[in-house]
Amino acid sequence: MRDLGTGFGYLMKGQRWVVRSGRRYGLGLLPGLITLVLYAGALTALAFWADDLVAWSTPFAGGWGSPWTGLFRGLLTALLWALSLLLSVITFTAVTLLVGQPFYESLSEQVERDADEDGVVPESGLPLWRELVISARESLAVLARVALYGVLLFAAGFLPVLGQTLVPAIGFCVTGYFLTQELTAVAFQRRRVSLKERLAVLRGRRMLALGFGVPLTLAFLVPLAAVFLMPGAVAGATLMARDLVEPDAGGTSSRPSLTKAPTA
């Protein structure tokens, strides 16, 4: 349980860092605003077409009569919205990081420079285009995992009582975990740590990842919050990743042994 508080502490440290940085925080809002416009359009379309989509996909319920058809399709529409919102949180982060890759990379480097006594920043040694390719490829791999969990949670949502209580809570935890993975990727990629190794590190510190990601997930559900919190989330995730993979003051490592990731 201590790790939950530590994870939340990293999130707060990141937000404080960007507020103090001034100009960098202002520039960090641009990628989120661009992505927000795209997602607002997609969710608006879903608002208009969700009922028709559910009705089209459940023709067997058309003859059930009132009120069962309306209740069943209303429940499916609510579950569709809940799933869409959870997926939006994860995909919003991935897309925003991809759109704002140059800026967030610079921001993350500055965080590490400030955190290191000698101002040393690890470098991947890869050109920007290759980093973008690797980032996009690994983001797709993460999104595939999220989609799989999303489908399973959507199906579990039909369970009486549990589907309306426990399943949403699990959904927030899953979303928070993968959100942490996406945000720490900037600092991990700079150290050439592969996706498989990153997931192994975070699996070993699940409570830490949840303490960082779940509050951020809940905050991202508030309109516009994701735009304003993204720069600080990247900063906080950088501090977390740095502490997970760098030796501590005593010279021991806080992580399992990692090897360098393939270059592309």
C-alpha atoms as a PDB file:
ATOM      1  CA  MET A   1       0.000   0.000   0.000  1.00  0.00           C
ATOM      2  CA  ARG A   2       2.969   2.300   0.539  1.00  0.00           C
ATOM      3  CA  ASP A   3       3.693   2.162  -3.179  1.00  0.00           C
ATOM      4  CA  LEU A   4       0.236   3.621  -3.907  1.00  0.00           C
ATOM      5  CA  GLY A   5       1.158   6.798  -2.068  1.00  0.00           C
ATOM      6  CA  THR A   6       4.588   6.868  -3.694  1.00  0.00           C
ATOM      7  CA  GLY A   7       3.057   6.608  -7.156  1.00  0.00           C
ATOM      8  CA  PHE A   8       0.666   9.455  -6.405  1.00  0.00           C
ATOM      9  CA  GLY A   9       3.625  11.437  -5.093  1.00  0.00           C
ATOM     10  CA  TYR A  10       5.391  11.132  -8.458  1.00  0.00           C
ATOM     11  CA  LEU A  11       2.272  12.468 -10.162  1.00  0.00           C
ATOM     12  CA  MET A  12       2.205  15.500  -7.861  1.00  0.00           C
ATOM     13  CA  LYS A  13       5.948  16.129  -8.283  1.00  0.00           C
ATOM     14  CA  GLY A  14       5.510  16.190 -12.051  1.00  0.00           C
ATOM     15  CA  GLN A  15       2.665  18.686 -11.872  1.00  0.00           C
ATOM     16  CA  ARG A  16       4.671  20.959  -9.591  1.00  0.00           C
ATOM     17  CA  TRP A  17       7.677  20.766 -11.916  1.00  0.00           C
ATOM     18  CA  VAL A  18       5.788  21.928 -15.015  1.00  0.00           C
ATOM     19  CA  VAL A  19       4.022  24.722 -13.132  1.00  0.00           C
ATOM     20  CA  ARG A  20       7.426  26.061 -12.108  1.00  0.00           C
ATOM     21  CA  SER A  21       8.793  25.682 -15.647  1.00  0.00           C
ATOM     22  CA  GLY A  22       6.356  28.247 -17.098  1.00  0.00           C
ATOM     23  CA  ARG A  23       7.009  28.391 -20.849  1.00  0.00           C
ATOM     24  CA  ARG A  24       7.512  24.643 -21.209  1.00  0.00           C
ATOM     25  CA  TYR A  25       4.140  24.056 -19.612  1.00  0.00           C
ATOM     26  CA  GLY A  26       2.441  26.404 -22.069  1.00  0.00           C
ATOM     27  CA  LEU A  27       3.994  24.665 -25.062  1.00  0.00           C
ATOM     28  CA  GLY A  28       3.068  21.294 -23.594  1.00  0.00           C
ATOM     29  CA  LEU A  29      -0.617  22.127 -23.848  1.00  0.00           C
ATOM     30  CA  LEU A  30      -0.577  22.288 -27.663  1.00  0.00           C
ATOM     31  CA  PRO A  31      -0.365  18.520 -28.448  1.00  0.00           C
ATOM     32  CA  GLY A  32      -3.173  17.839 -25.989  1.00  0.00           C
ATOM     33  CA  LEU A  33      -5.378  20.526 -27.509  1.00  0.00           C
ATOM     34  CA  ILE A  34      -4.871  19.123 -31.016  1.00  0.00           C
ATOM     35  CA  THR A  35      -5.701  15.604 -29.868  1.00  0.00           C
ATOM     36  CA  LEU A  36      -8.661  16.857 -27.841  1.00  0.00           C
ATOM     37  CA  VAL A  37     -10.278  18.344 -30.942  1.00  0.00           C
ATOM     38  CA  LEU A  38      -9.961  14.993 -32.738  1.00  0.00           C
ATOM     39  CA  TYR A  39     -11.420  13.047 -29.829  1.00  0.00           C
ATOM     40  CA  ALA A  40     -14.219  15.529 -29.248  1.00  0.00           C
ATOM     41  CA  GLY A  41     -15.321  14.979 -32.836  1.00  0.00           C
ATOM     42  CA  ALA A  42     -15.219  11.184 -32.432  1.00  0.00           C
ATOM     43  CA  LEU A  43     -17.172  11.207 -29.148  1.00  0.00           C
ATOM     44  CA  THR A  44     -19.723  13.639 -30.591  1.00  0.00           C
ATOM     45  CA  ALA A  45     -20.300  11.243 -33.470  1.00  0.00           C
ATOM     46  CA  LEU A  46     -20.695   8.403 -30.970  1.00  0.00           C
ATOM     47  CA  ALA A  47     -23.290  10.463 -29.061  1.00  0.00           C
ATOM     48  CA  PHE A  48     -25.389  10.753 -32.210  1.00  0.00           C
ATOM     49  CA  TRP A  49     -24.978   7.185 -33.432  1.00  0.00           C
ATOM     50  CA  ALA A  50     -24.609   5.039 -30.269  1.00  0.00           C
ATOM     51  CA  ASP A  51     -28.315   4.150 -30.051  1.00  0.00           C
ATOM     52  CA  ASP A  52     -28.478   3.230 -33.739  1.00  0.00           C
ATOM     53  CA  LEU A  53     -25.279   1.185 -33.461  1.00  0.00           C
ATOM     54  CA  VAL A  54     -26.613  -0.802 -30.501  1.00  0.00           C
ATOM     55  CA  ALA A  55     -29.982  -1.346 -32.209  1.00  0.00           C
ATOM     56  CA  TRP A  56     -28.251  -2.544 -35.393  1.00  0.00           C
ATOM     57  CA  SER A  57     -26.030  -4.969 -33.477  1.00  0.00           C
ATOM     58  CA  THR A  58     -28.918  -6.476 -31.435  1.00  0.00           C
ATOM     59  CA  PRO A  59     -31.693  -7.317 -33.930  1.00  0.00           C
ATOM     60  CA  PHE A  60     -32.666 -10.311 -31.789  1.00  0.00           C
ATOM     61  CA  ALA A  61     -33.938  -7.956 -29.059  1.00  0.00           C
ATOM     62  CA  GLY A  62     -36.364  -6.175 -31.354  1.00  0.00           C
ATOM     63  CA  GLY A  63     -39.241  -8.509 -30.586  1.00  0.00           C
ATOM     64  CA  TRP A  64     -38.880  -8.616 -26.810  1.00  0.00           C
ATOM     65  CA  GLY A  65     -41.497  -5.959 -26.246  1.00  0.00           C
ATOM     66  CA  SER A  66     -41.628  -3.089 -23.769  1.00  0.00           C
ATOM     67  CA  PRO A  67     -39.819  -2.408 -21.465  1.00  0.00           C
ATOM     68  CA  TRP A  68     -37.223  -5.160 -21.971  1.00  0.00           C
ATOM     69  CA  THR A  69     -35.941  -4.053 -25.375  1.00  0.00           C
ATOM     70  CA  GLY A  70     -35.388  -0.497 -24.154  1.00  0.00           C
ATOM     71  CA  LEU A  71     -33.754  -1.599 -20.898  1.00  0.00           C
ATOM     72  CA  PHE A  72     -31.434  -4.067 -22.615  1.00  0.00           C
ATOM     73  CA  ARG A  73     -30.337  -1.673 -25.326  1.00  0.00           C
ATOM     74  CA  GLY A  74     -30.050   1.180 -22.826  1.00  0.00           C
ATOM     75  CA  LEU A  75     -27.682  -0.938 -20.726  1.00  0.00           C
ATOM     76  CA  LEU A  76     -25.611  -1.805 -23.794  1.00  0.00           C
ATOM     77  CA  THR A  77     -25.437   1.874 -24.772  1.00  0.00           C
ATOM     78  CA  ALA A  78     -24.222   2.787 -21.272  1.00  0.00           C
ATOM     79  CA  LEU A  79     -21.598   0.038 -21.379  1.00  0.00           C
ATOM     80  CA  LEU A  80     -20.507   1.178 -24.839  1.00  0.00           C
ATOM     81  CA  TRP A  81     -20.045   4.701 -23.521  1.00  0.00           C
ATOM     82  CA  ALA A  82     -18.109   3.485 -20.466  1.00  0.00           C
ATOM     83  CA  LEU A  83     -15.814   1.352 -22.640  1.00  0.00           C
ATOM     84  CA  SER A  84     -15.326   4.220 -25.089  1.00  0.00           C
ATOM     85  CA  LEU A  85     -14.365   6.620 -22.309  1.00  0.00           C
ATOM     86  CA  LEU A  86     -11.849   4.195 -20.804  1.00  0.00           C
ATOM     87  CA  LEU A  87     -10.308   3.476 -24.199  1.00  0.00           C
ATOM     88  CA  SER A  88     -10.258   7.202 -24.917  1.00  0.00           C
ATOM     89  CA  VAL A  89      -8.115   7.828 -21.854  1.00  0.00           C
ATOM     90  CA  ILE A  90      -5.486   5.327 -22.979  1.00  0.00           C
ATOM     91  CA  THR A  91      -5.552   6.168 -26.672  1.00  0.00           C
ATOM     92  CA  PHE A  92      -5.617   9.903 -25.913  1.00  0.00           C
ATOM     93  CA  THR A  93      -2.329   9.543 -24.071  1.00  0.00           C
ATOM     94  CA  ALA A  94      -0.749   7.443 -26.818  1.00  0.00           C
ATOM     95  CA  VAL A  95      -1.860   9.787 -29.600  1.00  0.00           C
ATOM     96  CA  THR A  96      -0.889  12.921 -27.658  1.00  0.00           C
ATOM     97  CA  LEU A  97       2.567  11.505 -26.939  1.00  0.00           C
ATOM     98  CA  LEU A  98       2.990  10.689 -30.618  1.00  0.00           C
ATOM     99  CA  VAL A  99       1.805  14.137 -31.758  1.00  0.00           C
ATOM    100  CA  GLY A 100       3.945  15.894 -29.171  1.00  0.00           C
ATOM    101  CA  GLN A 101       6.940  13.520 -29.264  1.00  0.00           C
ATOM    102  CA  PRO A 102       9.620  16.196 -29.896  1.00  0.00           C
ATOM    103  CA  PHE A 103       8.313  18.455 -27.140  1.00  0.00           C
ATOM    104  CA  TYR A 104       7.696  15.732 -24.559  1.00  0.00           C
ATOM    105  CA  GLU A 105      11.125  14.282 -25.251  1.00  0.00           C
ATOM    106  CA  SER A 106      12.652  17.703 -24.598  1.00  0.00           C
ATOM    107  CA  LEU A 107      10.544  18.159 -21.461  1.00  0.00           C
ATOM    108  CA  SER A 108      11.518  14.725 -20.154  1.00  0.00           C
ATOM    109  CA  GLU A 109      15.201  15.440 -20.800  1.00  0.00           C
ATOM    110  CA  GLN A 110      14.973  18.697 -18.852  1.00  0.00           C
ATOM    111  CA  VAL A 111      13.338  16.896 -15.928  1.00  0.00           C
ATOM    112  CA  GLU A 112      16.218  14.426 -15.835  1.00  0.00           C
ATOM    113  CA  ARG A 113      18.779  17.214 -16.183  1.00  0.00           C
ATOM    114  CA  ASP A 114      17.288  18.986 -13.182  1.00  0.00           C
ATOM    115  CA  ALA A 115      17.078  15.755 -11.181  1.00  0.00           C
ATOM    116  CA  ASP A 116      20.699  14.709 -11.816  1.00  0.00           C
ATOM    117  CA  GLU A 117      23.405  16.372  -9.750  1.00  0.00           C
ATOM    118  CA  ASP A 118      25.715  16.519 -12.767  1.00  0.00           C
ATOM    119  CA  GLY A 119      22.968  17.348 -15.259  1.00  0.00           C
ATOM    120  CA  VAL A 120      23.582  14.122 -17.175  1.00  0.00           C
ATOM    121  CA  VAL A 121      20.756  12.905 -19.437  1.00  0.00           C
ATOM    122  CA  PRO A 122      20.697   9.380 -20.955  1.00  0.00           C
ATOM    123  CA  GLU A 123      20.518   9.310 -24.763  1.00  0.00           C
ATOM    124  CA  SER A 124      19.086   6.596 -26.999  1.00  0.00           C
ATOM    125  CA  GLY A 125      21.447   7.473 -29.848  1.00  0.00           C
ATOM    126  CA  LEU A 126      18.590   7.031 -32.337  1.00  0.00           C
ATOM    127  CA  PRO A 127      17.394   9.618 -34.883  1.00  0.00           C
ATOM    128  CA  LEU A 128      14.001  11.196 -34.271  1.00  0.00           C
ATOM    129  CA  TRP A 129      12.261   9.341 -37.107  1.00  0.00           C
ATOM    130  CA  ARG A 130      13.349   5.998 -35.674  1.00  0.00           C
ATOM    131  CA  GLU A 131      12.181   6.953 -32.190  1.00  0.00           C
ATOM    132  CA  LEU A 132       8.799   7.872 -33.683  1.00  0.00           C
ATOM    133  CA  VAL A 133       8.555   4.507 -35.458  1.00  0.00           C
ATOM    134  CA  ILE A 134       9.431   2.600 -32.289  1.00  0.00           C
ATOM    135  CA  SER A 135       7.038   4.717 -30.225  1.00  0.00           C
ATOM    136  CA  ALA A 136       4.172   4.160 -32.681  1.00  0.00           C
ATOM    137  CA  ARG A 137       4.853   0.423 -32.899  1.00  0.00           C
ATOM    138  CA  GLU A 138       4.963  -0.048 -29.145  1.00  0.00           C
ATOM    139  CA  SER A 139       1.897   2.145 -28.621  1.00  0.00           C
ATOM    140  CA  LEU A 140      -0.046  -0.086 -31.009  1.00  0.00           C
ATOM    141  CA  ALA A 141       1.099  -3.137 -29.045  1.00  0.00           C
ATOM    142  CA  VAL A 142      -0.118  -1.568 -25.804  1.00  0.00           C
ATOM    143  CA  LEU A 143      -3.417  -0.520 -27.374  1.00  0.00           C
ATOM    144  CA  ALA A 144      -3.951  -4.083 -28.594  1.00  0.00           C
ATOM    145  CA  ARG A 145      -3.598  -5.276 -25.008  1.00  0.00           C
ATOM    146  CA  VAL A 146      -5.970  -2.564 -23.799  1.00  0.00           C
ATOM    147  CA  ALA A 147      -8.523  -3.479 -26.465  1.00  0.00           C
ATOM    148  CA  LEU A 148      -8.400  -7.126 -25.359  1.00  0.00           C
ATOM    149  CA  TYR A 149      -8.988  -6.176 -21.728  1.00  0.00           C
ATOM    150  CA  GLY A 150     -11.697  -3.762 -22.860  1.00  0.00           C
ATOM    151  CA  VAL A 151     -13.608  -6.498 -24.676  1.00  0.00           C
ATOM    152  CA  LEU A 152     -13.346  -8.824 -21.664  1.00  0.00           C
ATOM    153  CA  LEU A 153     -14.534  -6.099 -19.279  1.00  0.00           C
ATOM    154  CA  PHE A 154     -17.353  -5.174 -21.646  1.00  0.00           C
ATOM    155  CA  ALA A 155     -18.544  -8.785 -21.619  1.00  0.00           C
ATOM    156  CA  ALA A 156     -18.147  -8.986 -17.818  1.00  0.00           C
ATOM    157  CA  GLY A 157     -20.338  -5.905 -17.539  1.00  0.00           C
ATOM    158  CA  PHE A 158     -23.376  -8.119 -18.170  1.00  0.00           C
ATOM    159  CA  LEU A 159     -22.822  -9.976 -14.880  1.00  0.00           C
ATOM    160  CA  PRO A 160     -25.488  -9.045 -12.307  1.00  0.00           C
ATOM    161  CA  VAL A 161     -24.229  -6.682  -9.567  1.00  0.00           C
ATOM    162  CA  LEU A 162     -20.540  -7.386 -10.273  1.00  0.00           C
ATOM    163  CA  GLY A 163     -20.887  -5.912 -13.751  1.00  0.00           C
ATOM    164  CA  GLN A 164     -22.045  -2.599 -12.289  1.00  0.00           C
ATOM    165  CA  THR A 165     -19.659  -2.450  -9.294  1.00  0.00           C
ATOM    166  CA  LEU A 166     -16.492  -4.532  -9.435  1.00  0.00           C
ATOM    167  CA  VAL A 167     -15.993  -4.504 -13.214  1.00  0.00           C
ATOM    168  CA  PRO A 168     -15.834  -0.677 -13.543  1.00  0.00           C
ATOM    169  CA  ALA A 169     -13.316  -0.566 -10.671  1.00  0.00           C
ATOM    170  CA  ILE A 170     -11.163  -3.181 -12.412  1.00  0.00           C
ATOM    171  CA  GLY A 171     -11.492  -1.178 -15.605  1.00  0.00           C
ATOM    172  CA  PHE A 172     -10.069   1.933 -13.942  1.00  0.00           C
ATOM    173  CA  CYS A 173      -7.162  -0.089 -12.531  1.00  0.00           C
ATOM    174  CA  VAL A 174      -6.370  -1.641 -15.921  1.00  0.00           C
ATOM    175  CA  THR A 175      -6.569   1.747 -17.588  1.00  0.00           C
ATOM    176  CA  GLY A 176      -4.370   3.354 -14.933  1.00  0.00           C
ATOM    177  CA  TYR A 177      -1.746   0.642 -15.239  1.00  0.00           C
ATOM    178  CA  PHE A 178      -1.433   0.975 -19.006  1.00  0.00           C
ATOM    179  CA  LEU A 179      -1.596   4.757 -18.767  1.00  0.00           C
ATOM    180  CA  THR A 180       1.481   4.630 -16.531  1.00  0.00           C
ATOM    181  CA  GLN A 181       3.172   2.347 -19.047  1.00  0.00           C
ATOM    182  CA  GLU A 182       2.519   4.798 -21.878  1.00  0.00           C
ATOM    183  CA  LEU A 183       3.768   7.815 -19.944  1.00  0.00           C
ATOM    184  CA  THR A 184       6.953   6.190 -18.638  1.00  0.00           C
ATOM    185  CA  ALA A 185       7.779   5.047 -22.175  1.00  0.00           C
ATOM    186  CA  VAL A 186       9.403   8.408 -22.991  1.00  0.00           C
ATOM    187  CA  ALA A 187      12.093   7.989 -20.317  1.00  0.00           C
ATOM    188  CA  PHE A 188      12.421   4.218 -20.784  1.00  0.00           C
ATOM    189  CA  GLN A 189      12.922   4.524 -24.544  1.00  0.00           C
ATOM    190  CA  ARG A 190      15.739   6.990 -23.966  1.00  0.00           C
ATOM    191  CA  ARG A 191      17.483   4.162 -22.099  1.00  0.00           C
ATOM    192  CA  ARG A 192      16.703   1.683 -24.894  1.00  0.00           C
ATOM    193  CA  VAL A 193      14.509  -0.437 -22.588  1.00  0.00           C
ATOM    194  CA  SER A 194      12.138  -2.599 -24.611  1.00  0.00           C
ATOM    195  CA  LEU A 195       8.374  -2.782 -24.145  1.00  0.00           C
ATOM    196  CA  LYS A 196       8.632  -6.310 -22.748  1.00  0.00           C
ATOM    197  CA  GLU A 197      11.182  -5.219 -20.170  1.00  0.00           C
ATOM    198  CA  ARG A 198       9.180  -2.116 -19.249  1.00  0.00           C
ATOM    199  CA  LEU A 199       6.089  -4.199 -18.615  1.00  0.00           C
ATOM    200  CA  ALA A 200       8.157  -6.585 -16.477  1.00  0.00           C
ATOM    201  CA  VAL A 201       9.433  -3.685 -14.363  1.00  0.00           C
ATOM    202  CA  LEU A 202       5.932  -2.271 -13.851  1.00  0.00           C
ATOM    203  CA  ARG A 203       4.473  -5.715 -13.082  1.00  0.00           C
ATOM    204  CA  GLY A 204       6.986  -5.918 -10.261  1.00  0.00           C
ATOM    205  CA  ARG A 205       5.705  -2.578  -8.895  1.00  0.00           C
ATOM    206  CA  ARG A 206       1.987  -2.772  -9.680  1.00  0.00           C
ATOM    207  CA  MET A 207       0.913  -0.673  -6.702  1.00  0.00           C
ATOM    208  CA  LEU A 208       3.352   2.048  -7.700  1.00  0.00           C
ATOM    209  CA  ALA A 209       1.970   2.071 -11.246  1.00  0.00           C
ATOM    210  CA  LEU A 210      -1.631   2.115  -9.985  1.00  0.00           C
ATOM    211  CA  GLY A 211      -0.920   4.895  -7.503  1.00  0.00           C
ATOM    212  CA  PHE A 212       0.302   7.009 -10.403  1.00  0.00           C
ATOM    213  CA  GLY A 213      -2.125   5.935 -13.121  1.00  0.00           C
ATOM    214  CA  VAL A 214      -5.519   5.485 -11.445  1.00  0.00           C
ATOM    215  CA  PRO A 215      -5.835   9.052 -10.060  1.00  0.00           C
ATOM    216  CA  LEU A 216      -4.712  10.330 -13.460  1.00  0.00           C
ATOM    217  CA  THR A 217      -7.319   8.151 -15.182  1.00  0.00           C
ATOM    218  CA  LEU A 218     -10.078   9.560 -12.985  1.00  0.00           C
ATOM    219  CA  ALA A 219      -8.830  13.107 -13.579  1.00  0.00           C
ATOM    220  CA  PHE A 220      -8.740  12.534 -17.346  1.00  0.00           C
ATOM    221  CA  LEU A 221     -12.484  11.854 -17.287  1.00  0.00           C
ATOM    222  CA  VAL A 222     -13.026  15.518 -16.388  1.00  0.00           C
ATOM    223  CA  PRO A 223     -13.398  17.610 -19.575  1.00  0.00           C
ATOM    224  CA  LEU A 224     -10.146  19.369 -20.550  1.00  0.00           C
ATOM    225  CA  ALA A 225      -8.266  17.935 -17.546  1.00  0.00           C
ATOM    226  CA  ALA A 226      -6.156  15.677 -19.771  1.00  0.00           C
ATOM    227  CA  VAL A 227      -4.886  18.669 -21.743  1.00  0.00           C
ATOM    228  CA  PHE A 228      -3.701  20.519 -18.636  1.00  0.00           C
ATOM    229  CA  LEU A 229      -2.320  17.474 -16.806  1.00  0.00           C
ATOM    230  CA  MET A 230      -0.413  15.813 -19.666  1.00  0.00           C
ATOM    231  CA  PRO A 231       2.855  17.830 -19.382  1.00  0.00           C
ATOM    232  CA  GLY A 232       3.037  17.205 -15.642  1.00  0.00           C
ATOM    233  CA  ALA A 233       2.138  13.544 -16.133  1.00  0.00           C
ATOM    234  CA  VAL A 234       5.104  13.136 -18.495  1.00  0.00           C
ATOM    235  CA  ALA A 235       7.366  14.905 -15.992  1.00  0.00           C
ATOM    236  CA  GLY A 236       6.183  12.733 -13.098  1.00  0.00           C
ATOM    237  CA  ALA A 237       6.474   9.541 -15.149  1.00  0.00           C
ATOM    238  CA  THR A 238      10.032  10.523 -16.067  1.00  0.00           C
ATOM    239  CA  LEU A 239      10.956  10.827 -12.397  1.00  0.00           C
ATOM    240  CA  MET A 240       9.341   7.447 -11.715  1.00  0.00           C
ATOM    241  CA  ALA A 241      11.104   5.688 -14.591  1.00  0.00           C
ATOM    242  CA  ARG A 242      14.420   7.239 -13.593  1.00  0.00           C
ATOM    243  CA  ASP A 243      14.124   5.912 -10.040  1.00  0.00           C
ATOM    244  CA  LEU A 244      13.031   2.480 -11.262  1.00  0.00           C
ATOM    245  CA  VAL A 245      15.994   1.898 -13.542  1.00  0.00           C
ATOM    246  CA  GLU A 246      18.851   3.930 -12.037  1.00  0.00           C
ATOM    247  CA  PRO A 247      20.980   2.708  -9.116  1.00  0.00           C
ATOM    248  CA  ASP A 248      20.153   4.311  -5.799  1.00  0.00           C
ATOM    249  CA  ALA A 249      22.557   6.213  -3.622  1.00  0.00           C
ATOM    250  CA  GLY A 250      23.843   2.989  -2.103  1.00  0.00           C
ATOM    251  CA  GLY A 251      24.831   1.648  -5.501  1.00  0.00           C
ATOM    252  CA  THR A 252      22.136  -1.021  -5.687  1.00  0.00           C
ATOM    253  CA  SER A 253      19.516  -1.214  -8.381  1.00  0.00           C
ATOM    254  CA  SER A 254      15.784  -0.888  -7.695  1.00  0.00           C
ATOM    255  CA  ARG A 255      14.879  -2.966 -10.734  1.00  0.00           C
ATOM    256  CA  PRO A 256      15.539  -6.352 -12.317  1.00  0.00           C
ATOM    257  CA  SER A 257      18.442  -6.576 -14.741  1.00  0.00           C
ATOM    258  CA  LEU A 258      17.567  -5.000 -18.101  1.00  0.00           C
ATOM    259  CA  THR A 259      19.140  -5.394 -21.463  1.00  0.00           C
ATOM    260  CA  LYS A 260      19.063  -2.894 -24.280  1.00  0.00           C
ATOM    261  CA  ALA A 261      16.149  -3.054 -26.646  1.00  0.00           C
ATOM    262  CA  PRO A 262      16.535  -3.720 -30.343  1.00  0.00           C
ATOM    263  CA  THR A 263      17.266  -0.559 -32.259  1.00  0.00           C
ATOM    264  CA  ALA A 264      14.181  -0.850 -34.476  1.00  0.00           C
END
